[in-house]
Amino acid sequence: MGRTIDPNSKTRLEAQARAIRVAERKEAKAAKLRKIADERQARHDAFKAKAERMFFMYQQGVTLEMIGKQYGITRERARQYISSLGYSAKDGGKCKQAEGKRESRKRKIDANLTARYELDADVVRQLRSDGVISAYKKQEANSKIRGIVWSLTFAQWLSIWQASGKLHLRGRGRGKYVMSRIRDGGAYELGNVHIQLADENSREAVDKWRGKAKQNRGVFCLYPGRELAWYAKANGVSLGFFKTESEAASARAEYLAKTGQIDATRIGRGRGWTYVAKNKKNPYLMQICGISKGYATEEEAVAAYRAAAEQIAEQRNGNRHIPSSSRSPSAIESAANQPV
């Protein structure tokens, strides 16, 4: 007799076979997914490596257009590669080129500042913002305009001020300090300058010229070295610039002669008389060079003033001492009676 198959056993075998087929399908599907994931990761790694190479070039200042041409892609695609790493246009390319130019320019400026002022560039910038460098340049320019030799570098000038401890008090006016030459003479150089009160410096300048007469009053050399260096003025009226001192003095003398004015730089400014109300008889008080006399009318006072002024100016032009007799009221009256 043939062997009979148990139906339950057959069912179990079929179930096992189905389970094996399901497991094989799951394994195949998982293997396929792993392969897809590996391929995706490989593409991502390749994309990232490519993006990093592009960004490295971009950091060196290579533009997106040049990167795109090298990799055979568009400028926008190159930008997308770099943006995927979290970087922007400010991190390279033209911005990097501009930054490099700025840094190069800053290094050049720093080197020039250090060479010019003999100090660190950051220190120079701070001193410039505080107005110290401007003060140095102004004093140097004024020295050259006055025709005085200037031999101080900025570092020397600053060291003198810092040693004095008066830099914060530098300026003009009462209580302010200035850098001046010793006895107001010589050049601005080490060993011949010191820090002193502005009032003391002014007194030194006055004492230097006390008792000395200027050859041509009203004539000044404002711009030594220029073609039109000499400036002339008369009684507050500007007469312009001239090539030589003699030309300026001649123009000033011609102006005074033409207008009939008195040289105010020699005898003082003003109209020459003062009205004194309490003096009923001679209320018009004429005053000039320490001499005073009252007159009944304004015309008499003006005539006396003009006559005395011309007499004093003539004596001064001749470099003669004014005798005491010339200062007496009788001498002034005799001069006033002469035609003007």
C-alpha atoms as a PDB file:
ATOM      1  CA  MET A   1       0.000   0.000   0.000  1.00  0.00           C
ATOM      2  CA  GLY A   2       1.138   3.580  -0.774  1.00  0.00           C
ATOM      3  CA  ARG A   3       2.169   6.008   1.984  1.00  0.00           C
ATOM      4  CA  THR A   4      -0.462   8.587   2.834  1.00  0.00           C
ATOM      5  CA  ILE A   5       0.425  12.295   3.449  1.00  0.00           C
ATOM      6  CA  ASP A   6      -0.847  13.957   6.548  1.00  0.00           C
ATOM      7  CA  PRO A   7      -2.805  17.067   5.569  1.00  0.00           C
ATOM      8  CA  ASN A   8      -1.537  18.948   8.574  1.00  0.00           C
ATOM      9  CA  SER A   9       2.068  18.258   7.637  1.00  0.00           C
ATOM     10  CA  LYS A  10       1.456  19.503   4.120  1.00  0.00           C
ATOM     11  CA  THR A  11       0.003  22.708   5.468  1.00  0.00           C
ATOM     12  CA  ARG A  12       3.009  23.245   7.672  1.00  0.00           C
ATOM     13  CA  LEU A  13       5.420  22.768   4.773  1.00  0.00           C
ATOM     14  CA  GLU A  14       3.554  25.295   2.637  1.00  0.00           C
ATOM     15  CA  ALA A  15       3.539  27.783   5.470  1.00  0.00           C
ATOM     16  CA  GLN A  16       7.283  27.367   5.924  1.00  0.00           C
ATOM     17  CA  ALA A  17       7.858  27.857   2.197  1.00  0.00           C
ATOM     18  CA  ARG A  18       5.806  31.058   2.197  1.00  0.00           C
ATOM     19  CA  ALA A  19       7.692  32.374   5.207  1.00  0.00           C
ATOM     20  CA  ILE A  20      10.980  31.681   3.438  1.00  0.00           C
ATOM     21  CA  ARG A  21       9.814  33.498   0.311  1.00  0.00           C
ATOM     22  CA  VAL A  22       8.603  36.490   2.358  1.00  0.00           C
ATOM     23  CA  ALA A  23      11.935  36.661   4.186  1.00  0.00           C
ATOM     24  CA  GLU A  24      13.814  36.501   0.898  1.00  0.00           C
ATOM     25  CA  ARG A  25      11.711  39.305  -0.534  1.00  0.00           C
ATOM     26  CA  LYS A  26      12.273  41.430   2.576  1.00  0.00           C
ATOM     27  CA  GLU A  27      15.984  40.798   2.404  1.00  0.00           C
ATOM     28  CA  ALA A  28      16.080  41.701  -1.267  1.00  0.00           C
ATOM     29  CA  LYS A  29      14.119  44.872  -0.601  1.00  0.00           C
ATOM     30  CA  ALA A  30      16.400  45.806   2.311  1.00  0.00           C
ATOM     31  CA  ALA A  31      19.466  45.150   0.172  1.00  0.00           C
ATOM     32  CA  LYS A  32      18.021  47.355  -2.546  1.00  0.00           C
ATOM     33  CA  LEU A  33      17.298  50.131  -0.041  1.00  0.00           C
ATOM     34  CA  ARG A  34      20.807  49.812   1.373  1.00  0.00           C
ATOM     35  CA  LYS A  35      22.214  50.096  -2.125  1.00  0.00           C
ATOM     36  CA  ILE A  36      20.096  53.172  -2.815  1.00  0.00           C
ATOM     37  CA  ALA A  37      21.173  54.704   0.476  1.00  0.00           C
ATOM     38  CA  ASP A  38      24.834  53.946  -0.256  1.00  0.00           C
ATOM     39  CA  GLU A  39      24.542  55.468  -3.710  1.00  0.00           C
ATOM     40  CA  ARG A  40      22.797  58.493  -2.255  1.00  0.00           C
ATOM     41  CA  GLN A  41      25.496  58.863   0.432  1.00  0.00           C
ATOM     42  CA  ALA A  42      28.194  58.500  -2.215  1.00  0.00           C
ATOM     43  CA  ARG A  43      26.570  61.182  -4.331  1.00  0.00           C
ATOM     44  CA  HIS A  44      26.219  63.385  -1.267  1.00  0.00           C
ATOM     45  CA  ASP A  45      29.860  62.854  -0.317  1.00  0.00           C
ATOM     46  CA  ALA A  46      30.951  63.602  -3.868  1.00  0.00           C
ATOM     47  CA  PHE A  47      28.737  66.696  -3.935  1.00  0.00           C
ATOM     48  CA  LYS A  48      30.127  67.872  -0.599  1.00  0.00           C
ATOM     49  CA  ALA A  49      33.725  67.234  -1.639  1.00  0.00           C
ATOM     50  CA  LYS A  50      33.125  69.114  -4.863  1.00  0.00           C
ATOM     51  CA  ALA A  51      31.454  71.953  -2.963  1.00  0.00           C
ATOM     52  CA  GLU A  52      34.392  72.118  -0.549  1.00  0.00           C
ATOM     53  CA  ARG A  53      36.836  72.333  -3.452  1.00  0.00           C
ATOM     54  CA  MET A  54      34.739  75.122  -4.961  1.00  0.00           C
ATOM     55  CA  PHE A  55      34.566  76.949  -1.654  1.00  0.00           C
ATOM     56  CA  PHE A  56      38.328  76.658  -1.234  1.00  0.00           C
ATOM     57  CA  MET A  57      38.728  78.344  -4.603  1.00  0.00           C
ATOM     58  CA  TYR A  58      36.058  80.884  -3.669  1.00  0.00           C
ATOM     59  CA  GLN A  59      37.912  81.737  -0.458  1.00  0.00           C
ATOM     60  CA  GLN A  60      41.023  82.487  -2.497  1.00  0.00           C
ATOM     61  CA  GLY A  61      39.107  85.170  -4.387  1.00  0.00           C
ATOM     62  CA  VAL A  62      38.114  83.130  -7.467  1.00  0.00           C
ATOM     63  CA  THR A  63      34.748  84.373  -8.722  1.00  0.00           C
ATOM     64  CA  LEU A  64      31.652  82.225  -9.260  1.00  0.00           C
ATOM     65  CA  GLU A  65      31.935  82.717 -13.015  1.00  0.00           C
ATOM     66  CA  MET A  66      35.468  81.320 -13.073  1.00  0.00           C
ATOM     67  CA  ILE A  67      34.519  78.377 -10.854  1.00  0.00           C
ATOM     68  CA  GLY A  68      31.548  77.586 -13.078  1.00  0.00           C
ATOM     69  CA  LYS A  69      33.710  77.599 -16.193  1.00  0.00           C
ATOM     70  CA  GLN A  70      36.256  75.268 -14.591  1.00  0.00           C
ATOM     71  CA  TYR A  71      33.589  72.707 -13.577  1.00  0.00           C
ATOM     72  CA  GLY A  72      31.396  73.161 -16.629  1.00  0.00           C
ATOM     73  CA  ILE A  73      28.431  74.524 -14.705  1.00  0.00           C
ATOM     74  CA  THR A  74      26.655  77.840 -14.479  1.00  0.00           C
ATOM     75  CA  ARG A  75      27.481  80.605 -12.044  1.00  0.00           C
ATOM     76  CA  GLU A  76      24.207  79.984 -10.207  1.00  0.00           C
ATOM     77  CA  ARG A  77      24.957  76.264  -9.848  1.00  0.00           C
ATOM     78  CA  ALA A  78      28.368  77.078  -8.411  1.00  0.00           C
ATOM     79  CA  ARG A  79      26.683  79.428  -5.947  1.00  0.00           C
ATOM     80  CA  GLN A  80      24.303  76.587  -4.928  1.00  0.00           C
ATOM     81  CA  TYR A  81      27.224  74.265  -4.296  1.00  0.00           C
ATOM     82  CA  ILE A  82      28.852  76.806  -1.997  1.00  0.00           C
ATOM     83  CA  SER A  83      25.599  77.780  -0.300  1.00  0.00           C
ATOM     84  CA  SER A  84      24.985  74.102   0.584  1.00  0.00           C
ATOM     85  CA  LEU A  85      27.925  74.380   3.005  1.00  0.00           C
ATOM     86  CA  GLY A  86      26.301  77.334   4.773  1.00  0.00           C
ATOM     87  CA  TYR A  87      28.486  80.052   3.244  1.00  0.00           C
ATOM     88  CA  SER A  88      27.424  83.253   1.483  1.00  0.00           C
ATOM     89  CA  ALA A  89      28.842  85.667  -1.080  1.00  0.00           C
ATOM     90  CA  LYS A  90      30.603  87.612   1.673  1.00  0.00           C
ATOM     91  CA  ASP A  91      32.875  84.638   2.404  1.00  0.00           C
ATOM     92  CA  GLY A  92      34.830  84.764  -0.851  1.00  0.00           C
ATOM     93  CA  GLY A  93      34.921  85.770  -4.505  1.00  0.00           C
ATOM     94  CA  LYS A  94      34.804  89.475  -5.235  1.00  0.00           C
ATOM     95  CA  CYS A  95      34.164  90.251  -1.571  1.00  0.00           C
ATOM     96  CA  LYS A  96      37.350  88.403  -0.710  1.00  0.00           C
ATOM     97  CA  GLN A  97      39.199  90.281  -3.419  1.00  0.00           C
ATOM     98  CA  ALA A  98      37.915  93.595  -2.049  1.00  0.00           C
ATOM     99  CA  GLU A  99      38.833  92.546   1.487  1.00  0.00           C
ATOM    100  CA  GLY A 100      42.320  91.639   0.340  1.00  0.00           C
ATOM    101  CA  LYS A 101      42.688  95.010  -1.350  1.00  0.00           C
ATOM    102  CA  ARG A 102      41.483  96.773   1.793  1.00  0.00           C
ATOM    103  CA  GLU A 103      43.934  94.874   3.958  1.00  0.00           C
ATOM    104  CA  SER A 104      46.763  95.565   1.537  1.00  0.00           C
ATOM    105  CA  ARG A 105      45.866  99.249   1.449  1.00  0.00           C
ATOM    106  CA  LYS A 106      45.651  99.340   5.265  1.00  0.00           C
ATOM    107  CA  ARG A 107      49.089  97.711   5.593  1.00  0.00           C
ATOM    108  CA  LYS A 108      50.507 100.264   3.181  1.00  0.00           C
ATOM    109  CA  ILE A 109      48.907 103.157   5.059  1.00  0.00           C
ATOM    110  CA  ASP A 110      50.133 101.773   8.390  1.00  0.00           C
ATOM    111  CA  ALA A 111      53.662 101.506   7.007  1.00  0.00           C
ATOM    112  CA  ASN A 112      53.511 105.098   5.729  1.00  0.00           C
ATOM    113  CA  LEU A 113      52.166 106.391   9.064  1.00  0.00           C
ATOM    114  CA  THR A 114      54.855 104.550  11.002  1.00  0.00           C
ATOM    115  CA  ALA A 115      57.603 105.830   8.692  1.00  0.00           C
ATOM    116  CA  ARG A 116      56.272 109.390   8.741  1.00  0.00           C
ATOM    117  CA  TYR A 117      55.519 109.823  12.443  1.00  0.00           C
ATOM    118  CA  GLU A 118      57.912 107.214  13.920  1.00  0.00           C
ATOM    119  CA  LEU A 119      55.051 105.778  15.992  1.00  0.00           C
ATOM    120  CA  ASP A 120      52.693 102.817  15.791  1.00  0.00           C
ATOM    121  CA  ALA A 121      49.916 103.361  13.257  1.00  0.00           C
ATOM    122  CA  ASP A 122      47.132 102.851  15.834  1.00  0.00           C
ATOM    123  CA  VAL A 123      48.756 105.423  18.122  1.00  0.00           C
ATOM    124  CA  VAL A 124      48.976 107.859  15.209  1.00  0.00           C
ATOM    125  CA  ARG A 125      45.274 107.394  14.460  1.00  0.00           C
ATOM    126  CA  GLN A 126      44.377 108.109  18.081  1.00  0.00           C
ATOM    127  CA  LEU A 127      46.553 111.229  18.145  1.00  0.00           C
ATOM    128  CA  ARG A 128      44.962 112.364  14.898  1.00  0.00           C
ATOM    129  CA  SER A 129      41.463 111.984  16.337  1.00  0.00           C
ATOM    130  CA  ASP A 130      42.560 113.981  19.405  1.00  0.00           C
ATOM    131  CA  GLY A 131      43.784 116.847  17.177  1.00  0.00           C
ATOM    132  CA  VAL A 132      47.440 116.502  18.211  1.00  0.00           C
ATOM    133  CA  ILE A 133      48.763 115.890  14.684  1.00  0.00           C
ATOM    134  CA  SER A 134      46.741 118.824  13.382  1.00  0.00           C
ATOM    135  CA  ALA A 135      48.349 121.060  16.013  1.00  0.00           C
ATOM    136  CA  TYR A 136      51.819 119.914  14.938  1.00  0.00           C
ATOM    137  CA  LYS A 137      51.100 120.588  11.263  1.00  0.00           C
ATOM    138  CA  LYS A 138      49.697 124.054  12.001  1.00  0.00           C
ATOM    139  CA  GLN A 139      52.754 125.082  14.006  1.00  0.00           C
ATOM    140  CA  GLU A 140      55.076 123.723  11.312  1.00  0.00           C
ATOM    141  CA  ALA A 141      53.170 125.606   8.592  1.00  0.00           C
ATOM    142  CA  ASN A 142      53.192 128.849  10.597  1.00  0.00           C
ATOM    143  CA  SER A 143      56.923 128.499  11.127  1.00  0.00           C
ATOM    144  CA  LYS A 144      57.528 128.176   7.378  1.00  0.00           C
ATOM    145  CA  ILE A 145      55.247 131.140   6.628  1.00  0.00           C
ATOM    146  CA  ARG A 146      57.259 133.251   9.085  1.00  0.00           C
ATOM    147  CA  GLY A 147      60.489 132.107   7.419  1.00  0.00           C
ATOM    148  CA  ILE A 148      61.735 130.255  10.511  1.00  0.00           C
ATOM    149  CA  VAL A 149      63.583 126.963  10.055  1.00  0.00           C
ATOM    150  CA  TRP A 150      61.597 123.964  11.352  1.00  0.00           C
ATOM    151  CA  SER A 151      63.721 120.895  12.189  1.00  0.00           C
ATOM    152  CA  LEU A 152      61.447 119.009  14.594  1.00  0.00           C
ATOM    153  CA  THR A 153      59.906 115.688  13.616  1.00  0.00           C
ATOM    154  CA  PHE A 154      56.491 114.820  14.978  1.00  0.00           C
ATOM    155  CA  ALA A 155      57.985 112.295  17.414  1.00  0.00           C
ATOM    156  CA  GLN A 156      60.397 114.928  18.764  1.00  0.00           C
ATOM    157  CA  TRP A 157      57.662 117.555  18.998  1.00  0.00           C
ATOM    158  CA  LEU A 158      55.378 115.143  20.840  1.00  0.00           C
ATOM    159  CA  SER A 159      58.109 113.950  23.222  1.00  0.00           C
ATOM    160  CA  ILE A 160      58.814 117.568  24.259  1.00  0.00           C
ATOM    161  CA  TRP A 161      55.147 118.173  24.997  1.00  0.00           C
ATOM    162  CA  GLN A 162      54.734 114.877  26.844  1.00  0.00           C
ATOM    163  CA  ALA A 163      57.820 115.537  28.953  1.00  0.00           C
ATOM    164  CA  SER A 164      56.377 118.908  29.983  1.00  0.00           C
ATOM    165  CA  GLY A 165      53.038 117.375  30.975  1.00  0.00           C
ATOM    166  CA  LYS A 166      51.240 120.394  29.468  1.00  0.00           C
ATOM    167  CA  LEU A 167      49.954 118.909  26.226  1.00  0.00           C
ATOM    168  CA  HIS A 168      46.352 119.042  27.440  1.00  0.00           C
ATOM    169  CA  LEU A 169      46.846 122.781  28.203  1.00  0.00           C
ATOM    170  CA  ARG A 170      48.275 123.648  24.783  1.00  0.00           C
ATOM    171  CA  GLY A 171      46.706 126.725  23.165  1.00  0.00           C
ATOM    172  CA  ARG A 172      46.506 130.508  23.171  1.00  0.00           C
ATOM    173  CA  GLY A 173      45.318 132.804  25.896  1.00  0.00           C
ATOM    174  CA  ARG A 174      45.711 133.130  29.628  1.00  0.00           C
ATOM    175  CA  GLY A 175      46.725 129.916  31.359  1.00  0.00           C
ATOM    176  CA  LYS A 176      47.592 128.142  28.093  1.00  0.00           C
ATOM    177  CA  TYR A 177      51.001 126.825  27.093  1.00  0.00           C
ATOM    178  CA  VAL A 178      52.917 127.059  23.808  1.00  0.00           C
ATOM    179  CA  MET A 179      56.103 125.655  22.339  1.00  0.00           C
ATOM    180  CA  SER A 180      58.453 128.574  21.697  1.00  0.00           C
ATOM    181  CA  ARG A 181      62.073 129.188  20.860  1.00  0.00           C
ATOM    182  CA  ILE A 182      64.479 130.174  23.593  1.00  0.00           C
ATOM    183  CA  ARG A 183      64.630 133.982  23.688  1.00  0.00           C
ATOM    184  CA  ASP A 184      62.431 133.947  20.597  1.00  0.00           C
ATOM    185  CA  GLY A 185      65.397 133.351  18.283  1.00  0.00           C
ATOM    186  CA  GLY A 186      66.926 130.667  16.101  1.00  0.00           C
ATOM    187  CA  ALA A 187      65.271 127.630  14.561  1.00  0.00           C
ATOM    188  CA  TYR A 188      62.674 125.239  15.923  1.00  0.00           C
ATOM    189  CA  GLU A 189      65.011 122.384  16.800  1.00  0.00           C
ATOM    190  CA  LEU A 190      65.971 120.199  19.726  1.00  0.00           C
ATOM    191  CA  GLY A 191      67.761 122.230  22.360  1.00  0.00           C
ATOM    192  CA  ASN A 192      66.294 125.545  21.210  1.00  0.00           C
ATOM    193  CA  VAL A 193      62.628 125.072  22.156  1.00  0.00           C
ATOM    194  CA  HIS A 194      60.772 124.870  25.436  1.00  0.00           C
ATOM    195  CA  ILE A 195      57.228 124.887  26.764  1.00  0.00           C
ATOM    196  CA  GLN A 196      56.096 128.098  28.419  1.00  0.00           C
ATOM    197  CA  LEU A 197      52.975 130.124  29.134  1.00  0.00           C
ATOM    198  CA  ALA A 198      51.547 131.959  26.151  1.00  0.00           C
ATOM    199  CA  ASP A 199      51.675 135.242  28.104  1.00  0.00           C
ATOM    200  CA  GLU A 200      55.396 134.804  28.742  1.00  0.00           C
ATOM    201  CA  ASN A 201      56.042 134.058  25.085  1.00  0.00           C
ATOM    202  CA  SER A 202      54.198 137.216  24.040  1.00  0.00           C
ATOM    203  CA  ARG A 203      56.233 139.299  26.477  1.00  0.00           C
ATOM    204  CA  GLU A 204      59.455 137.829  25.087  1.00  0.00           C
ATOM    205  CA  ALA A 205      58.446 138.821  21.554  1.00  0.00           C
ATOM    206  CA  VAL A 206      57.586 142.353  22.687  1.00  0.00           C
ATOM    207  CA  ASP A 207      60.859 142.712  24.584  1.00  0.00           C
ATOM    208  CA  LYS A 208      62.775 141.523  21.533  1.00  0.00           C
ATOM    209  CA  TRP A 209      61.474 144.388  19.396  1.00  0.00           C
ATOM    210  CA  ARG A 210      61.269 147.006  22.117  1.00  0.00           C
ATOM    211  CA  GLY A 211      63.125 150.144  21.064  1.00  0.00           C
ATOM    212  CA  LYS A 212      63.594 148.936  17.489  1.00  0.00           C
ATOM    213  CA  ALA A 213      61.880 150.563  14.521  1.00  0.00           C
ATOM    214  CA  LYS A 214      60.668 148.510  11.603  1.00  0.00           C
ATOM    215  CA  GLN A 215      62.040 149.761   8.315  1.00  0.00           C
ATOM    216  CA  ASN A 216      58.779 149.478   6.398  1.00  0.00           C
ATOM    217  CA  ARG A 217      55.694 149.483   8.565  1.00  0.00           C
ATOM    218  CA  GLY A 218      52.505 148.027   7.173  1.00  0.00           C
ATOM    219  CA  VAL A 219      54.493 145.617   4.977  1.00  0.00           C
ATOM    220  CA  PHE A 220      54.677 141.915   5.845  1.00  0.00           C
ATOM    221  CA  CYS A 221      56.301 138.827   4.316  1.00  0.00           C
ATOM    222  CA  LEU A 222      53.465 136.324   4.658  1.00  0.00           C
ATOM    223  CA  TYR A 223      54.530 133.639   2.189  1.00  0.00           C
ATOM    224  CA  PRO A 224      58.325 133.258   1.943  1.00  0.00           C
ATOM    225  CA  GLY A 225      59.343 131.388  -1.180  1.00  0.00           C
ATOM    226  CA  ARG A 226      56.284 132.356  -3.210  1.00  0.00           C
ATOM    227  CA  GLU A 227      56.330 134.769  -6.105  1.00  0.00           C
ATOM    228  CA  LEU A 228      53.940 137.185  -4.392  1.00  0.00           C
ATOM    229  CA  ALA A 229      55.274 136.903  -0.864  1.00  0.00           C
ATOM    230  CA  TRP A 230      54.904 140.476   0.435  1.00  0.00           C
ATOM    231  CA  TYR A 231      51.632 141.897   1.693  1.00  0.00           C
ATOM    232  CA  ALA A 232      50.859 145.595   2.237  1.00  0.00           C
ATOM    233  CA  LYS A 233      48.072 147.424   4.037  1.00  0.00           C
ATOM    234  CA  ALA A 234      47.458 150.992   5.126  1.00  0.00           C
ATOM    235  CA  ASN A 235      45.129 152.088   7.917  1.00  0.00           C
ATOM    236  CA  GLY A 236      43.211 148.825   7.767  1.00  0.00           C
ATOM    237  CA  VAL A 237      42.900 148.822   3.950  1.00  0.00           C
ATOM    238  CA  SER A 238      44.395 145.803   2.170  1.00  0.00           C
ATOM    239  CA  LEU A 239      46.612 146.754  -0.791  1.00  0.00           C
ATOM    240  CA  GLY A 240      47.344 143.206  -1.986  1.00  0.00           C
ATOM    241  CA  PHE A 241      50.453 141.088  -2.495  1.00  0.00           C
ATOM    242  CA  PHE A 242      53.726 142.046  -4.177  1.00  0.00           C
ATOM    243  CA  LYS A 243      56.928 140.366  -5.324  1.00  0.00           C
ATOM    244  CA  THR A 244      59.366 142.400  -3.228  1.00  0.00           C
ATOM    245  CA  GLU A 245      59.328 144.425  -0.039  1.00  0.00           C
ATOM    246  CA  SER A 246      60.202 147.604  -1.906  1.00  0.00           C
ATOM    247  CA  GLU A 247      57.223 147.197  -4.255  1.00  0.00           C
ATOM    248  CA  ALA A 248      54.874 146.710  -1.315  1.00  0.00           C
ATOM    249  CA  ALA A 249      56.306 149.729   0.524  1.00  0.00           C
ATOM    250  CA  SER A 250      56.049 151.898  -2.621  1.00  0.00           C
ATOM    251  CA  ALA A 251      52.427 150.872  -3.192  1.00  0.00           C
ATOM    252  CA  ARG A 252      51.609 151.719   0.400  1.00  0.00           C
ATOM    253  CA  ALA A 253      53.308 155.142   0.204  1.00  0.00           C
ATOM    254  CA  GLU A 254      51.457 155.928  -3.047  1.00  0.00           C
ATOM    255  CA  TYR A 255      48.140 154.999  -1.474  1.00  0.00           C
ATOM    256  CA  LEU A 256      48.718 157.255   1.543  1.00  0.00           C
ATOM    257  CA  ALA A 257      49.814 160.135  -0.708  1.00  0.00           C
ATOM    258  CA  LYS A 258      46.861 159.698  -3.041  1.00  0.00           C
ATOM    259  CA  THR A 259      44.241 159.540  -0.297  1.00  0.00           C
ATOM    260  CA  GLY A 260      45.894 162.157   1.902  1.00  0.00           C
ATOM    261  CA  GLN A 261      45.702 159.868   4.921  1.00  0.00           C
ATOM    262  CA  ILE A 262      48.050 159.888   7.898  1.00  0.00           C
ATOM    263  CA  ASP A 263      50.171 156.811   8.425  1.00  0.00           C
ATOM    264  CA  ALA A 264      48.357 155.241  11.334  1.00  0.00           C
ATOM    265  CA  THR A 265      51.026 152.579  11.845  1.00  0.00           C
ATOM    266  CA  ARG A 266      53.499 155.309  12.801  1.00  0.00           C
ATOM    267  CA  ILE A 267      51.420 157.587  14.930  1.00  0.00           C
ATOM    268  CA  GLY A 268      48.460 155.479  15.991  1.00  0.00           C
ATOM    269  CA  ARG A 269      44.934 155.066  14.728  1.00  0.00           C
ATOM    270  CA  GLY A 270      41.833 157.155  15.360  1.00  0.00           C
ATOM    271  CA  ARG A 271      40.579 160.646  14.512  1.00  0.00           C
ATOM    272  CA  GLY A 272      43.017 162.402  16.850  1.00  0.00           C
ATOM    273  CA  TRP A 273      40.616 164.200  19.134  1.00  0.00           C
ATOM    274  CA  THR A 274      38.132 163.550  21.922  1.00  0.00           C
ATOM    275  CA  TYR A 275      35.103 165.660  22.851  1.00  0.00           C
ATOM    276  CA  VAL A 276      35.223 166.647  26.545  1.00  0.00           C
ATOM    277  CA  ALA A 277      31.814 168.114  27.491  1.00  0.00           C
ATOM    278  CA  LYS A 278      32.892 169.576  30.825  1.00  0.00           C
ATOM    279  CA  ASN A 279      35.472 171.777  29.087  1.00  0.00           C
ATOM    280  CA  LYS A 280      33.144 174.466  27.775  1.00  0.00           C
ATOM    281  CA  LYS A 281      35.792 176.721  26.246  1.00  0.00           C
ATOM    282  CA  ASN A 282      37.940 174.117  24.431  1.00  0.00           C
ATOM    283  CA  PRO A 283      35.929 170.880  24.361  1.00  0.00           C
ATOM    284  CA  TYR A 284      37.861 169.256  21.456  1.00  0.00           C
ATOM    285  CA  LEU A 285      40.913 167.605  23.040  1.00  0.00           C
ATOM    286  CA  MET A 286      43.603 166.739  20.492  1.00  0.00           C
ATOM    287  CA  GLN A 287      45.860 163.835  21.513  1.00  0.00           C
ATOM    288  CA  ILE A 288      48.926 162.373  19.804  1.00  0.00           C
ATOM    289  CA  CYS A 289      52.042 160.597  21.068  1.00  0.00           C
ATOM    290  CA  GLY A 290      51.441 161.628  24.680  1.00  0.00           C
ATOM    291  CA  ILE A 291      50.741 165.276  23.755  1.00  0.00           C
ATOM    292  CA  SER A 292      47.280 166.773  24.339  1.00  0.00           C
ATOM    293  CA  LYS A 293      45.704 170.238  23.866  1.00  0.00           C
ATOM    294  CA  GLY A 294      42.134 171.508  23.762  1.00  0.00           C
ATOM    295  CA  TYR A 295      40.582 173.437  20.845  1.00  0.00           C
ATOM    296  CA  ALA A 296      37.340 175.304  20.435  1.00  0.00           C
ATOM    297  CA  THR A 297      36.268 173.571  17.194  1.00  0.00           C
ATOM    298  CA  GLU A 298      36.643 170.153  15.651  1.00  0.00           C
ATOM    299  CA  GLU A 299      38.349 171.626  12.568  1.00  0.00           C
ATOM    300  CA  GLU A 300      41.085 173.183  14.697  1.00  0.00           C
ATOM    301  CA  ALA A 301      41.677 169.892  16.546  1.00  0.00           C
ATOM    302  CA  VAL A 302      41.858 167.913  13.278  1.00  0.00           C
ATOM    303  CA  ALA A 303      44.228 170.442  11.697  1.00  0.00           C
ATOM    304  CA  ALA A 304      46.494 170.378  14.734  1.00  0.00           C
ATOM    305  CA  TYR A 305      46.432 166.589  14.774  1.00  0.00           C
ATOM    306  CA  ARG A 306      47.338 166.288  11.076  1.00  0.00           C
ATOM    307  CA  ALA A 307      50.123 168.845  11.340  1.00  0.00           C
ATOM    308  CA  ALA A 308      51.635 167.208  14.412  1.00  0.00           C
ATOM    309  CA  ALA A 309      51.281 163.762  12.852  1.00  0.00           C
ATOM    310  CA  GLU A 310      53.144 164.799   9.723  1.00  0.00           C
ATOM    311  CA  GLN A 311      55.863 166.431  11.790  1.00  0.00           C
ATOM    312  CA  ILE A 312      56.336 163.311  13.940  1.00  0.00           C
ATOM    313  CA  ALA A 313      56.203 160.996  10.935  1.00  0.00           C
ATOM    314  CA  GLU A 314      58.831 163.084   9.133  1.00  0.00           C
ATOM    315  CA  GLN A 315      61.136 162.950  12.143  1.00  0.00           C
ATOM    316  CA  ARG A 316      60.654 159.225  12.501  1.00  0.00           C
ATOM    317  CA  ASN A 317      61.323 158.645   8.806  1.00  0.00           C
ATOM    318  CA  GLY A 318      64.582 160.486   9.225  1.00  0.00           C
ATOM    319  CA  ASN A 319      65.409 158.250  12.240  1.00  0.00           C
ATOM    320  CA  ARG A 320      65.901 161.351  14.401  1.00  0.00           C
ATOM    321  CA  HIS A 321      65.007 161.645  18.021  1.00  0.00           C
ATOM    322  CA  ILE A 322      62.025 163.891  18.618  1.00  0.00           C
ATOM    323  CA  PRO A 323      63.231 166.783  20.799  1.00  0.00           C
ATOM    324  CA  SER A 324      61.190 167.785  23.777  1.00  0.00           C
ATOM    325  CA  SER A 325      60.572 171.195  22.205  1.00  0.00           C
ATOM    326  CA  SER A 326      58.714 169.506  19.340  1.00  0.00           C
ATOM    327  CA  ARG A 327      56.363 167.919  21.845  1.00  0.00           C
ATOM    328  CA  SER A 328      55.318 171.221  23.446  1.00  0.00           C
ATOM    329  CA  PRO A 329      51.855 172.676  22.788  1.00  0.00           C
ATOM    330  CA  SER A 330      53.460 175.755  21.225  1.00  0.00           C
ATOM    331  CA  ALA A 331      55.228 173.602  18.653  1.00  0.00           C
ATOM    332  CA  ILE A 332      52.004 171.799  17.860  1.00  0.00           C
ATOM    333  CA  GLU A 333      50.128 175.116  17.572  1.00  0.00           C
ATOM    334  CA  SER A 334      52.741 176.469  15.184  1.00  0.00           C
ATOM    335  CA  ALA A 335      52.495 173.301  13.128  1.00  0.00           C
ATOM    336  CA  ALA A 336      48.708 173.512  13.143  1.00  0.00           C
ATOM    337  CA  ASN A 337      48.838 177.098  11.789  1.00  0.00           C
ATOM    338  CA  GLN A 338      50.818 175.919   8.785  1.00  0.00           C
ATOM    339  CA  PRO A 339      48.855 174.869   5.686  1.00  0.00           C
ATOM    340  CA  VAL A 340      48.140 171.135   5.592  1.00  0.00           C
END
